[in-house]
Amino acid sequence: MRIDPNSATDLPVQIAQAIKDAIVSGALIVDERLPSEAELAEQFQVSRPTVREALKRLAAQSLIRTQRGAFGGAFVNRLSFEDAQAQQITTSTLLLSMNAVSFDTACEARFALERACAPLAVERRGDTHLAAMRAEIRRQGAPELSDEAFCASDVAFHRALVDAAANPVLSYHLAGAVEAMQPLMNMITFTARSRGTIVALHARIAEAIDARDAEQADTALAELMHYTMSLKDDVMAARAVARS
């Protein structure tokens, strides 16, 4: 593992990348103990605080874990899809909150992925997935439900649809699209949307998944996408008028 002391890139970033590359290449394997801070400092010819900062970066990415005690230290982590999904959600949320991704782009990506997921959900769904989707539909129909709770239920409904596909890779990619993007979509459009329209579309999606009708599931998801986009256009137009 090497770094370039003359590079403009910060030393902790270089060290973290060098260790990450070693993990990805297999030079460092799962559960292997990394050299101590002192050993890494000597190897990279940097201070221990610099090494410590690099290790914090790796831990934040769930690539390593630290243990205390006589047999403690930093170890290569066994990364799970669940851990990776949490990072995906955080990263997507930051990108959206900083306007690095437009609403239209986020909406297009989210529904393209979800519509790709629907045929698998139709084929593989179980009773628990259908029960979860219907429970959220019932919850969304409650008139006393707050906007915040409705948004959370909206996310939970689509999470159940994604889970029904039983594909961890799709779930990983959809984590950022649904878990991060959908709440932002809800925040932008909730003042203009009709809960009844959304609940009716959710019911059609659930019925299609139950009936194992991939075409109808796709049609309902496409209608939900167009409805979401039209709501955004209405909200943006109203804001433009208010500013003028």
Protein backbone atom coordinates (compact mmCIF):
# COMPACT_ATOMS: atom_id res chain seq x y z
CA MET A 1 0.00 0.00 0.00
CA ARG A 2 1.45 3.32 -1.09
CA ILE A 3 0.57 7.00 -1.17
CA ASP A 4 1.99 10.02 -2.99
CA PRO A 5 3.12 12.67 -0.47
CA ASN A 6 3.38 15.20 -3.32
CA SER A 7 -0.23 14.73 -4.39
CA ALA A 8 -2.76 17.51 -3.83
CA THR A 9 -5.12 14.95 -2.32
CA ASP A 10 -5.23 14.97 1.49
CA LEU A 11 -3.12 12.27 3.11
CA PRO A 12 -6.01 10.68 5.08
CA VAL A 13 -7.97 10.35 1.83
CA GLN A 14 -4.98 8.72 0.11
CA ILE A 15 -4.40 6.30 2.98
CA ALA A 16 -8.08 5.37 3.15
CA GLN A 17 -8.10 4.76 -0.61
CA ALA A 18 -4.94 2.63 -0.43
CA ILE A 19 -6.45 0.43 2.29
CA LYS A 20 -9.76 0.29 0.43
CA ASP A 21 -7.95 -0.82 -2.74
CA ALA A 22 -6.20 -3.56 -0.73
CA ILE A 23 -9.57 -4.77 0.58
CA VAL A 24 -11.19 -4.74 -2.87
CA SER A 25 -8.24 -6.56 -4.47
CA GLY A 26 -8.22 -9.23 -1.76
CA ALA A 27 -4.83 -8.27 -0.38
CA LEU A 28 -6.71 -7.66 2.87
CA ILE A 29 -9.44 -10.23 3.50
CA VAL A 30 -12.63 -10.19 5.57
CA ASP A 31 -11.99 -10.29 9.34
CA GLU A 32 -8.25 -9.71 8.87
CA ARG A 33 -6.70 -7.36 11.43
CA LEU A 34 -5.12 -4.26 9.97
CA PRO A 35 -1.67 -3.17 11.16
CA SER A 36 -1.77 -0.94 14.24
CA GLU A 37 -1.97 2.84 13.98
CA ALA A 38 1.73 3.03 14.80
CA GLU A 39 2.60 0.46 12.13
CA LEU A 40 0.45 2.20 9.51
CA ALA A 41 1.97 5.57 10.43
CA GLU A 42 5.43 4.14 9.90
CA GLN A 43 4.42 2.41 6.67
CA PHE A 44 2.90 5.56 5.16
CA GLN A 45 5.41 7.93 6.83
CA VAL A 46 2.67 10.05 8.41
CA SER A 47 1.49 10.91 11.90
CA ARG A 48 -0.84 8.68 13.90
CA PRO A 49 -3.64 11.32 13.86
CA THR A 50 -3.46 11.21 10.04
CA VAL A 51 -3.84 7.42 10.11
CA ARG A 52 -6.67 7.74 12.64
CA GLU A 53 -8.55 10.09 10.30
CA ALA A 54 -8.11 7.63 7.43
CA LEU A 55 -9.47 4.78 9.55
CA LYS A 56 -12.48 6.90 10.52
CA ARG A 57 -13.23 7.36 6.83
CA LEU A 58 -13.09 3.61 6.24
CA ALA A 59 -15.28 2.91 9.27
CA ALA A 60 -17.85 5.43 7.99
CA GLN A 61 -18.04 3.38 4.80
CA SER A 62 -18.45 0.18 6.86
CA LEU A 63 -15.27 -1.20 5.31
CA ILE A 64 -13.60 -1.73 8.68
CA ARG A 65 -14.72 -2.15 12.29
CA THR A 66 -12.81 -1.45 15.47
CA GLN A 67 -12.63 -3.60 18.60
CA ARG A 68 -11.29 -2.72 22.01
CA GLY A 69 -9.24 -4.88 24.33
CA ALA A 70 -6.09 -6.93 24.20
CA PHE A 71 -7.14 -8.56 20.95
CA GLY A 72 -8.69 -5.41 19.53
CA GLY A 73 -7.76 -3.17 16.65
CA ALA A 74 -9.17 -2.41 13.21
CA PHE A 75 -10.53 -5.33 11.20
CA VAL A 76 -11.80 -5.70 7.64
CA ASN A 77 -15.57 -5.73 7.89
CA ARG A 78 -17.92 -8.23 6.30
CA LEU A 79 -20.07 -5.76 4.36
CA SER A 80 -23.73 -6.63 4.00
CA PHE A 81 -26.33 -5.34 1.57
CA GLU A 82 -28.13 -3.79 4.55
CA ASP A 83 -25.04 -1.76 5.46
CA ALA A 84 -24.52 -0.74 1.84
CA GLN A 85 -28.16 0.30 1.52
CA ALA A 86 -27.88 2.63 4.51
CA GLN A 87 -24.89 4.36 2.88
CA GLN A 88 -26.73 4.54 -0.44
CA ILE A 89 -29.68 6.26 1.23
CA THR A 90 -27.44 8.76 3.02
CA THR A 91 -25.51 9.60 -0.14
CA SER A 92 -28.64 9.95 -2.28
CA THR A 93 -30.30 12.15 0.34
CA LEU A 94 -27.28 14.46 0.41
CA LEU A 95 -27.14 14.68 -3.39
CA LEU A 96 -30.82 15.57 -3.56
CA SER A 97 -30.74 18.03 -0.68
CA MET A 98 -27.83 19.84 -2.33
CA ASN A 99 -29.69 19.98 -5.65
CA ALA A 100 -27.03 17.82 -7.29
CA VAL A 101 -29.84 15.77 -8.84
CA SER A 102 -32.95 17.36 -10.31
CA PHE A 103 -36.45 16.25 -9.34
CA ASP A 104 -37.10 15.03 -12.90
CA THR A 105 -33.91 12.94 -12.96
CA ALA A 106 -34.64 11.45 -9.53
CA CYS A 107 -38.23 10.65 -10.47
CA GLU A 108 -37.22 9.07 -13.78
CA ALA A 109 -34.58 6.88 -12.10
CA ARG A 110 -36.81 5.85 -9.23
CA PHE A 111 -39.73 4.71 -11.39
CA ALA A 112 -37.51 3.09 -14.04
CA LEU A 113 -35.94 0.93 -11.33
CA GLU A 114 -39.24 0.22 -9.63
CA ARG A 115 -40.94 -0.76 -12.90
CA ALA A 116 -38.01 -3.11 -13.58
CA CYS A 117 -38.59 -4.59 -10.14
CA ALA A 118 -42.35 -5.14 -10.59
CA PRO A 119 -42.23 -8.27 -12.82
CA LEU A 120 -40.02 -10.00 -10.26
CA ALA A 121 -42.35 -8.94 -7.47
CA VAL A 122 -45.27 -10.40 -9.42
CA GLU A 123 -43.41 -13.70 -9.74
CA ARG A 124 -41.92 -13.95 -6.25
CA ARG A 125 -44.21 -12.06 -3.89
CA GLY A 126 -45.34 -13.78 -0.74
CA ASP A 127 -48.28 -13.27 1.57
CA THR A 128 -46.19 -11.12 3.91
CA HIS A 129 -45.36 -8.68 1.09
CA LEU A 130 -49.00 -8.36 0.10
CA ALA A 131 -50.04 -7.94 3.73
CA ALA A 132 -47.48 -5.17 4.20
CA MET A 133 -48.65 -3.33 1.09
CA ARG A 134 -52.31 -3.57 2.08
CA ALA A 135 -51.59 -2.49 5.63
CA GLU A 136 -50.01 0.70 4.30
CA ILE A 137 -52.94 1.29 1.94
CA ARG A 138 -55.34 1.06 4.89
CA ARG A 139 -53.12 3.38 6.90
CA GLN A 140 -52.99 5.92 4.07
CA GLY A 141 -56.78 5.98 3.93
CA ALA A 142 -57.11 7.22 7.52
CA PRO A 143 -58.27 10.88 7.39
CA GLU A 144 -56.46 11.76 10.62
CA LEU A 145 -53.08 10.62 9.27
CA SER A 146 -50.55 13.48 9.26
CA ASP A 147 -48.64 14.47 6.13
CA GLU A 148 -45.43 13.20 7.69
CA ALA A 149 -47.00 9.84 8.54
CA PHE A 150 -48.53 9.59 5.06
CA CYS A 151 -45.09 10.14 3.52
CA ALA A 152 -43.59 7.45 5.76
CA SER A 153 -46.37 5.05 4.79
CA ASP A 154 -45.79 5.87 1.12
CA VAL A 155 -42.15 4.85 1.49
CA ALA A 156 -43.11 1.68 3.39
CA PHE A 157 -45.57 0.66 0.67
CA HIS A 158 -42.96 0.90 -2.06
CA ARG A 159 -40.36 -0.79 0.13
CA ALA A 160 -42.71 -3.77 0.42
CA LEU A 161 -43.02 -3.84 -3.37
CA VAL A 162 -39.24 -3.80 -3.74
CA ASP A 163 -38.82 -6.50 -1.07
CA ALA A 164 -41.26 -8.69 -2.96
CA ALA A 165 -38.80 -8.89 -5.87
CA ALA A 166 -36.41 -10.79 -3.56
CA ASN A 167 -33.33 -9.43 -5.31
CA PRO A 168 -30.72 -7.84 -3.00
CA VAL A 169 -28.96 -6.04 -5.86
CA LEU A 170 -32.19 -4.37 -6.97
CA SER A 171 -33.00 -3.58 -3.35
CA TYR A 172 -29.61 -1.91 -2.98
CA HIS A 173 -30.09 0.31 -6.02
CA LEU A 174 -33.68 1.09 -5.12
CA ALA A 175 -32.69 2.06 -1.58
CA GLY A 176 -31.39 5.38 -2.84
CA ALA A 177 -34.21 5.78 -5.34
CA VAL A 178 -37.10 5.09 -2.97
CA GLU A 179 -35.82 5.63 0.57
CA ALA A 180 -34.07 8.91 -0.25
CA MET A 181 -35.80 10.28 -3.34
CA GLN A 182 -39.41 9.53 -2.49
CA PRO A 183 -39.52 11.56 0.74
CA LEU A 184 -38.17 14.57 -1.18
CA MET A 185 -40.80 14.04 -3.86
CA ASN A 186 -43.45 13.90 -1.16
CA MET A 187 -42.17 17.12 0.45
CA ILE A 188 -42.38 18.98 -2.85
CA THR A 189 -45.77 17.68 -3.93
CA PHE A 190 -47.76 16.99 -0.74
CA THR A 191 -49.63 20.32 -0.81
CA ALA A 192 -50.95 19.65 -4.32
CA ARG A 193 -51.55 15.92 -4.33
CA SER A 194 -54.74 14.00 -3.78
CA ARG A 195 -54.34 11.28 -1.19
CA GLY A 196 -57.28 9.48 -2.73
CA THR A 197 -55.55 9.33 -6.11
CA ILE A 198 -52.35 7.95 -4.60
CA VAL A 199 -54.21 5.39 -2.47
CA ALA A 200 -56.19 4.24 -5.53
CA LEU A 201 -52.98 3.79 -7.53
CA HIS A 202 -51.35 1.93 -4.65
CA ALA A 203 -54.41 -0.35 -4.47
CA ARG A 204 -54.15 -1.08 -8.20
CA ILE A 205 -50.45 -1.92 -7.84
CA ALA A 206 -51.15 -4.27 -4.92
CA GLU A 207 -54.03 -5.93 -6.77
CA ALA A 208 -51.83 -6.47 -9.83
CA ILE A 209 -49.04 -7.96 -7.72
CA ASP A 210 -51.57 -10.22 -6.01
CA ALA A 211 -53.03 -11.31 -9.37
CA ARG A 212 -49.51 -11.83 -10.76
CA ASP A 213 -50.31 -9.37 -13.54
CA ALA A 214 -47.02 -7.69 -14.46
CA GLU A 215 -48.57 -5.58 -17.22
CA GLN A 216 -51.16 -4.02 -14.91
CA ALA A 217 -48.55 -3.40 -12.23
CA ASP A 218 -46.37 -1.59 -14.76
CA THR A 219 -49.33 0.45 -16.02
CA ALA A 220 -50.24 1.59 -12.51
CA LEU A 221 -46.62 2.48 -11.72
CA ALA A 222 -46.38 4.46 -14.98
CA GLU A 223 -49.54 6.37 -14.05
CA LEU A 224 -48.11 7.09 -10.60
CA MET A 225 -44.95 8.43 -12.21
CA HIS A 226 -46.89 10.72 -14.56
CA TYR A 227 -49.07 11.90 -11.69
CA THR A 228 -45.99 12.69 -9.58
CA MET A 229 -44.41 14.63 -12.43
CA SER A 230 -47.59 16.60 -13.09
CA LEU A 231 -47.82 17.52 -9.40
CA LYS A 232 -44.25 18.82 -9.48
CA ASP A 233 -45.02 20.91 -12.57
CA ASP A 234 -48.10 22.38 -10.88
CA VAL A 235 -46.16 23.22 -7.71
CA MET A 236 -43.28 24.81 -9.63
CA ALA A 237 -45.70 26.85 -11.74
CA ALA A 238 -47.52 28.09 -8.63
CA ARG A 239 -44.22 29.08 -7.02
CA ALA A 240 -43.16 30.97 -10.12
CA VAL A 241 -46.42 32.90 -10.10
CA ALA A 242 -46.02 33.69 -6.39
CA ARG A 243 -42.51 35.08 -6.97
CA SER A 244 -43.57 37.27 -9.89
